[in-house]
Amino acid sequence: QHGGRGAGDGRFGGHGGAPYVPGMMTHVGALRVGLVGGGPWARRVHGPAVAAHPGTELTALWTRRPEVAEELSGVLGGRAVGSFEELLDAVDAVAFAVPPQV
């Protein structure tokens, strides 16, 4: 049920219309997402979607070519990191935008 009564008015916590239930885990901040990859899917789909979503923050980007990660971070936000391990240390979730064989 999207856009129905109470949607977005704060009574339902902004969680897809689910009511607040005392004692249940609540949203305390944006989900920190890292992006792996710098090709067309990262630039046109995954990166912009993560950056634009109100519940996520594009926190870190990593590609096999550091200059691509730097350039993409200038466009999408977040910071380019030097290794996949550094990306994992900085985020809660990872979006992969790489070819299937990688």
N, C-alpha and C. Protein backbone atom coordinates (compact mmCIF):
# COMPACT_ATOMS: atom_id res chain seq x y z
N GLN A 1 0.86 -1.18 0.00
CA GLN A 1 0.00 0.00 0.00
C GLN A 1 0.89 1.23 0.00
N HIS A 2 1.07 1.85 -1.13
CA HIS A 2 1.90 3.04 -1.26
C HIS A 2 1.02 4.25 -1.44
N GLY A 3 1.38 5.32 -0.74
CA GLY A 3 0.66 6.57 -0.91
C GLY A 3 -0.70 6.61 -0.24
N GLY A 4 -1.03 5.60 0.54
CA GLY A 4 -2.32 5.55 1.20
C GLY A 4 -2.36 6.44 2.42
N ARG A 5 -3.45 6.35 3.16
CA ARG A 5 -3.64 7.16 4.34
C ARG A 5 -2.48 6.97 5.30
N GLY A 6 -1.88 8.07 5.75
CA GLY A 6 -0.79 8.03 6.69
C GLY A 6 0.58 7.88 6.06
N ALA A 7 0.63 7.62 4.75
CA ALA A 7 1.93 7.45 4.10
C ALA A 7 2.70 8.76 4.14
N GLY A 8 3.89 8.72 4.69
CA GLY A 8 4.76 9.88 4.70
C GLY A 8 4.41 10.92 5.73
N ASP A 9 3.41 10.69 6.59
CA ASP A 9 3.06 11.71 7.57
C ASP A 9 3.71 11.47 8.93
N GLY A 10 4.63 10.50 9.00
CA GLY A 10 5.36 10.26 10.23
C GLY A 10 4.73 9.24 11.16
N ARG A 11 3.45 8.92 10.98
CA ARG A 11 2.79 7.98 11.89
C ARG A 11 3.26 6.55 11.69
N PHE A 12 3.80 6.27 10.53
CA PHE A 12 4.20 4.90 10.22
C PHE A 12 5.71 4.75 10.10
N GLY A 13 6.47 5.77 10.49
CA GLY A 13 7.91 5.66 10.53
C GLY A 13 8.60 5.61 9.19
N GLY A 14 7.89 5.78 8.10
CA GLY A 14 8.52 5.80 6.79
C GLY A 14 9.03 4.44 6.34
N HIS A 15 8.51 3.38 6.85
CA HIS A 15 8.99 2.04 6.52
C HIS A 15 7.99 1.30 5.67
N GLY A 16 7.66 1.84 4.53
CA GLY A 16 6.75 1.17 3.62
C GLY A 16 5.35 1.01 4.16
N GLY A 17 4.95 1.91 5.06
CA GLY A 17 3.60 1.85 5.59
C GLY A 17 3.43 0.97 6.80
N ALA A 18 4.49 0.31 7.26
CA ALA A 18 4.39 -0.54 8.44
C ALA A 18 4.28 0.33 9.68
N PRO A 19 3.35 0.03 10.56
CA PRO A 19 3.19 0.85 11.78
C PRO A 19 4.33 0.63 12.74
N TYR A 20 4.59 1.64 13.56
CA TYR A 20 5.61 1.53 14.61
C TYR A 20 5.13 0.55 15.66
N VAL A 21 5.99 -0.36 16.04
CA VAL A 21 5.68 -1.33 17.08
C VAL A 21 6.72 -1.17 18.18
N PRO A 22 6.30 -0.78 19.41
CA PRO A 22 7.27 -0.62 20.50
C PRO A 22 8.10 -1.89 20.67
N GLY A 23 9.39 -1.69 20.87
CA GLY A 23 10.29 -2.81 21.07
C GLY A 23 10.88 -3.36 19.78
N MET A 24 10.34 -2.96 18.64
CA MET A 24 10.88 -3.42 17.36
C MET A 24 12.02 -2.50 16.95
N MET A 25 12.92 -3.01 16.13
CA MET A 25 14.03 -2.21 15.63
C MET A 25 13.50 -1.06 14.80
N THR A 26 14.02 0.13 15.01
CA THR A 26 13.57 1.30 14.26
C THR A 26 14.72 1.88 13.45
N HIS A 27 14.38 2.69 12.48
CA HIS A 27 15.35 3.33 11.60
C HIS A 27 16.04 4.45 12.36
N VAL A 28 17.36 4.38 12.48
CA VAL A 28 18.10 5.41 13.20
C VAL A 28 18.98 6.24 12.28
N GLY A 29 19.06 5.90 11.04
CA GLY A 29 19.86 6.65 10.09
C GLY A 29 19.87 5.94 8.76
N ALA A 30 20.44 6.61 7.78
CA ALA A 30 20.50 6.02 6.45
C ALA A 30 21.42 4.81 6.42
N LEU A 31 21.07 3.83 5.63
CA LEU A 31 21.90 2.66 5.42
C LEU A 31 23.11 3.08 4.59
N ARG A 32 24.30 2.85 5.11
CA ARG A 32 25.53 3.22 4.41
C ARG A 32 25.85 2.15 3.37
N VAL A 33 25.84 2.55 2.10
CA VAL A 33 26.02 1.59 1.00
C VAL A 33 27.31 1.90 0.26
N GLY A 34 28.05 0.84 -0.05
CA GLY A 34 29.24 0.95 -0.87
C GLY A 34 28.92 0.44 -2.27
N LEU A 35 29.55 1.04 -3.26
CA LEU A 35 29.34 0.64 -4.65
C LEU A 35 30.64 0.06 -5.19
N VAL A 36 30.55 -1.15 -5.74
CA VAL A 36 31.69 -1.81 -6.38
C VAL A 36 31.43 -1.81 -7.88
N GLY A 37 32.33 -1.21 -8.63
CA GLY A 37 32.20 -1.14 -10.07
C GLY A 37 32.06 0.29 -10.54
N GLY A 38 32.52 0.54 -11.77
CA GLY A 38 32.46 1.89 -12.30
C GLY A 38 32.04 1.95 -13.75
N GLY A 39 31.44 0.88 -14.25
CA GLY A 39 31.00 0.83 -15.64
C GLY A 39 29.62 1.42 -15.83
N PRO A 40 29.02 1.13 -16.98
CA PRO A 40 27.72 1.72 -17.32
C PRO A 40 26.61 1.43 -16.31
N TRP A 41 26.54 0.21 -15.79
CA TRP A 41 25.48 -0.11 -14.81
C TRP A 41 25.70 0.67 -13.52
N ALA A 42 26.93 0.82 -13.09
CA ALA A 42 27.23 1.60 -11.88
C ALA A 42 26.87 3.07 -12.09
N ARG A 43 27.20 3.60 -13.26
CA ARG A 43 26.98 5.02 -13.55
C ARG A 43 25.52 5.37 -13.81
N ARG A 44 24.80 4.48 -14.47
CA ARG A 44 23.44 4.82 -14.91
C ARG A 44 22.33 4.23 -14.05
N VAL A 45 22.64 3.17 -13.30
CA VAL A 45 21.58 2.49 -12.55
C VAL A 45 21.89 2.42 -11.06
N HIS A 46 22.84 1.59 -10.69
CA HIS A 46 23.09 1.32 -9.28
C HIS A 46 23.51 2.57 -8.49
N GLY A 47 24.50 3.28 -8.98
CA GLY A 47 24.99 4.46 -8.26
C GLY A 47 23.93 5.53 -8.07
N PRO A 48 23.28 5.99 -9.16
CA PRO A 48 22.24 7.00 -9.00
C PRO A 48 21.08 6.55 -8.10
N ALA A 49 20.71 5.27 -8.18
CA ALA A 49 19.60 4.78 -7.35
C ALA A 49 19.97 4.81 -5.87
N VAL A 50 21.16 4.36 -5.54
CA VAL A 50 21.59 4.38 -4.14
C VAL A 50 21.71 5.83 -3.65
N ALA A 51 22.31 6.69 -4.46
CA ALA A 51 22.51 8.08 -4.06
C ALA A 51 21.19 8.82 -3.88
N ALA A 52 20.18 8.50 -4.67
CA ALA A 52 18.91 9.22 -4.63
C ALA A 52 17.93 8.69 -3.59
N HIS A 53 18.11 7.47 -3.14
CA HIS A 53 17.14 6.87 -2.22
C HIS A 53 17.21 7.56 -0.86
N PRO A 54 16.08 7.94 -0.28
CA PRO A 54 16.09 8.64 1.01
C PRO A 54 16.56 7.77 2.18
N GLY A 55 16.55 6.47 2.03
CA GLY A 55 16.95 5.60 3.13
C GLY A 55 18.38 5.10 3.04
N THR A 56 19.12 5.56 2.01
CA THR A 56 20.51 5.12 1.85
C THR A 56 21.44 6.30 1.67
N GLU A 57 22.70 6.05 1.97
CA GLU A 57 23.75 7.04 1.75
C GLU A 57 24.86 6.33 0.99
N LEU A 58 25.21 6.82 -0.18
CA LEU A 58 26.33 6.26 -0.93
C LEU A 58 27.60 6.71 -0.22
N THR A 59 28.22 5.80 0.48
CA THR A 59 29.32 6.13 1.39
C THR A 59 30.69 5.94 0.76
N ALA A 60 30.87 4.83 0.02
CA ALA A 60 32.19 4.51 -0.52
C ALA A 60 32.05 3.86 -1.89
N LEU A 61 33.06 4.08 -2.73
CA LEU A 61 33.11 3.49 -4.06
C LEU A 61 34.47 2.84 -4.27
N TRP A 62 34.47 1.67 -4.89
CA TRP A 62 35.72 1.01 -5.23
C TRP A 62 35.61 0.40 -6.61
N THR A 63 36.64 0.60 -7.41
CA THR A 63 36.77 -0.05 -8.70
C THR A 63 38.21 -0.54 -8.83
N ARG A 64 38.44 -1.39 -9.80
CA ARG A 64 39.81 -1.87 -10.03
C ARG A 64 40.72 -0.76 -10.53
N ARG A 65 40.12 0.30 -11.06
CA ARG A 65 40.89 1.47 -11.53
C ARG A 65 40.58 2.65 -10.62
N PRO A 66 41.51 3.04 -9.75
CA PRO A 66 41.27 4.11 -8.77
C PRO A 66 40.79 5.43 -9.39
N GLU A 67 41.28 5.77 -10.58
CA GLU A 67 40.87 7.03 -11.20
C GLU A 67 39.39 7.02 -11.57
N VAL A 68 38.85 5.85 -11.88
CA VAL A 68 37.42 5.75 -12.19
C VAL A 68 36.60 5.95 -10.92
N ALA A 69 37.03 5.36 -9.82
CA ALA A 69 36.33 5.54 -8.55
C ALA A 69 36.34 7.01 -8.13
N GLU A 70 37.48 7.68 -8.31
CA GLU A 70 37.58 9.11 -7.98
C GLU A 70 36.61 9.93 -8.82
N GLU A 71 36.60 9.67 -10.11
CA GLU A 71 35.71 10.41 -11.01
C GLU A 71 34.25 10.17 -10.66
N LEU A 72 33.90 8.92 -10.39
CA LEU A 72 32.52 8.57 -10.07
C LEU A 72 32.08 9.16 -8.73
N SER A 73 33.00 9.23 -7.77
CA SER A 73 32.65 9.82 -6.48
C SER A 73 32.36 11.32 -6.63
N GLY A 74 33.02 11.96 -7.58
CA GLY A 74 32.74 13.37 -7.85
C GLY A 74 31.37 13.59 -8.44
N VAL A 75 30.85 12.59 -9.13
CA VAL A 75 29.54 12.68 -9.75
C VAL A 75 28.43 12.25 -8.79
N LEU A 76 28.65 11.13 -8.08
CA LEU A 76 27.59 10.53 -7.26
C LEU A 76 27.68 10.87 -5.78
N GLY A 77 28.84 11.30 -5.33
CA GLY A 77 29.05 11.49 -3.90
C GLY A 77 29.78 10.29 -3.33
N GLY A 78 29.92 10.26 -2.04
CA GLY A 78 30.69 9.19 -1.42
C GLY A 78 32.17 9.44 -1.61
N ARG A 79 32.98 8.53 -1.11
CA ARG A 79 34.42 8.70 -1.29
C ARG A 79 35.00 7.46 -1.94
N ALA A 80 35.96 7.70 -2.81
CA ALA A 80 36.67 6.60 -3.45
C ALA A 80 37.61 6.00 -2.41
N VAL A 81 37.63 4.67 -2.35
CA VAL A 81 38.52 3.98 -1.41
C VAL A 81 39.53 3.15 -2.20
N GLY A 82 40.63 2.81 -1.53
CA GLY A 82 41.73 2.14 -2.21
C GLY A 82 41.63 0.63 -2.30
N SER A 83 40.73 0.03 -1.53
CA SER A 83 40.62 -1.43 -1.58
C SER A 83 39.20 -1.87 -1.25
N PHE A 84 38.89 -3.08 -1.66
CA PHE A 84 37.59 -3.65 -1.34
C PHE A 84 37.42 -3.78 0.16
N GLU A 85 38.49 -4.16 0.85
CA GLU A 85 38.43 -4.30 2.31
C GLU A 85 38.12 -2.96 2.99
N GLU A 86 38.70 -1.88 2.47
CA GLU A 86 38.42 -0.55 3.02
C GLU A 86 36.95 -0.19 2.81
N LEU A 87 36.40 -0.55 1.66
CA LEU A 87 34.98 -0.32 1.40
C LEU A 87 34.14 -1.08 2.42
N LEU A 88 34.45 -2.35 2.63
CA LEU A 88 33.67 -3.16 3.59
C LEU A 88 33.70 -2.57 5.00
N ASP A 89 34.83 -2.00 5.39
CA ASP A 89 34.94 -1.41 6.72
C ASP A 89 34.10 -0.15 6.89
N ALA A 90 33.71 0.48 5.77
CA ALA A 90 33.03 1.77 5.82
C ALA A 90 31.52 1.70 5.63
N VAL A 91 30.97 0.51 5.31
CA VAL A 91 29.56 0.44 4.91
C VAL A 91 28.79 -0.64 5.65
N ASP A 92 27.45 -0.54 5.51
CA ASP A 92 26.54 -1.55 6.06
C ASP A 92 26.13 -2.57 4.99
N ALA A 93 26.16 -2.16 3.72
CA ALA A 93 25.72 -3.01 2.61
C ALA A 93 26.53 -2.65 1.37
N VAL A 94 26.56 -3.57 0.41
CA VAL A 94 27.33 -3.36 -0.82
C VAL A 94 26.44 -3.59 -2.03
N ALA A 95 26.51 -2.69 -2.99
CA ALA A 95 25.85 -2.86 -4.29
C ALA A 95 26.95 -3.20 -5.29
N PHE A 96 26.79 -4.34 -5.96
CA PHE A 96 27.77 -4.77 -6.96
C PHE A 96 27.25 -4.45 -8.35
N ALA A 97 28.06 -3.70 -9.10
CA ALA A 97 27.73 -3.37 -10.49
C ALA A 97 28.93 -3.76 -11.34
N VAL A 98 29.13 -5.07 -11.42
CA VAL A 98 30.27 -5.62 -12.14
C VAL A 98 29.79 -6.67 -13.13
N PRO A 99 30.61 -6.97 -14.14
CA PRO A 99 30.22 -8.02 -15.09
C PRO A 99 30.10 -9.37 -14.38
N PRO A 100 29.26 -10.26 -14.88
CA PRO A 100 29.04 -11.55 -14.23
C PRO A 100 30.31 -12.36 -14.02
N GLN A 101 31.27 -12.24 -14.91
CA GLN A 101 32.48 -13.04 -14.80
C GLN A 101 33.45 -12.53 -13.73
N VAL A 102 33.20 -11.37 -13.17
CA VAL A 102 34.13 -10.80 -12.17
C VAL A 102 33.88 -11.39 -10.83
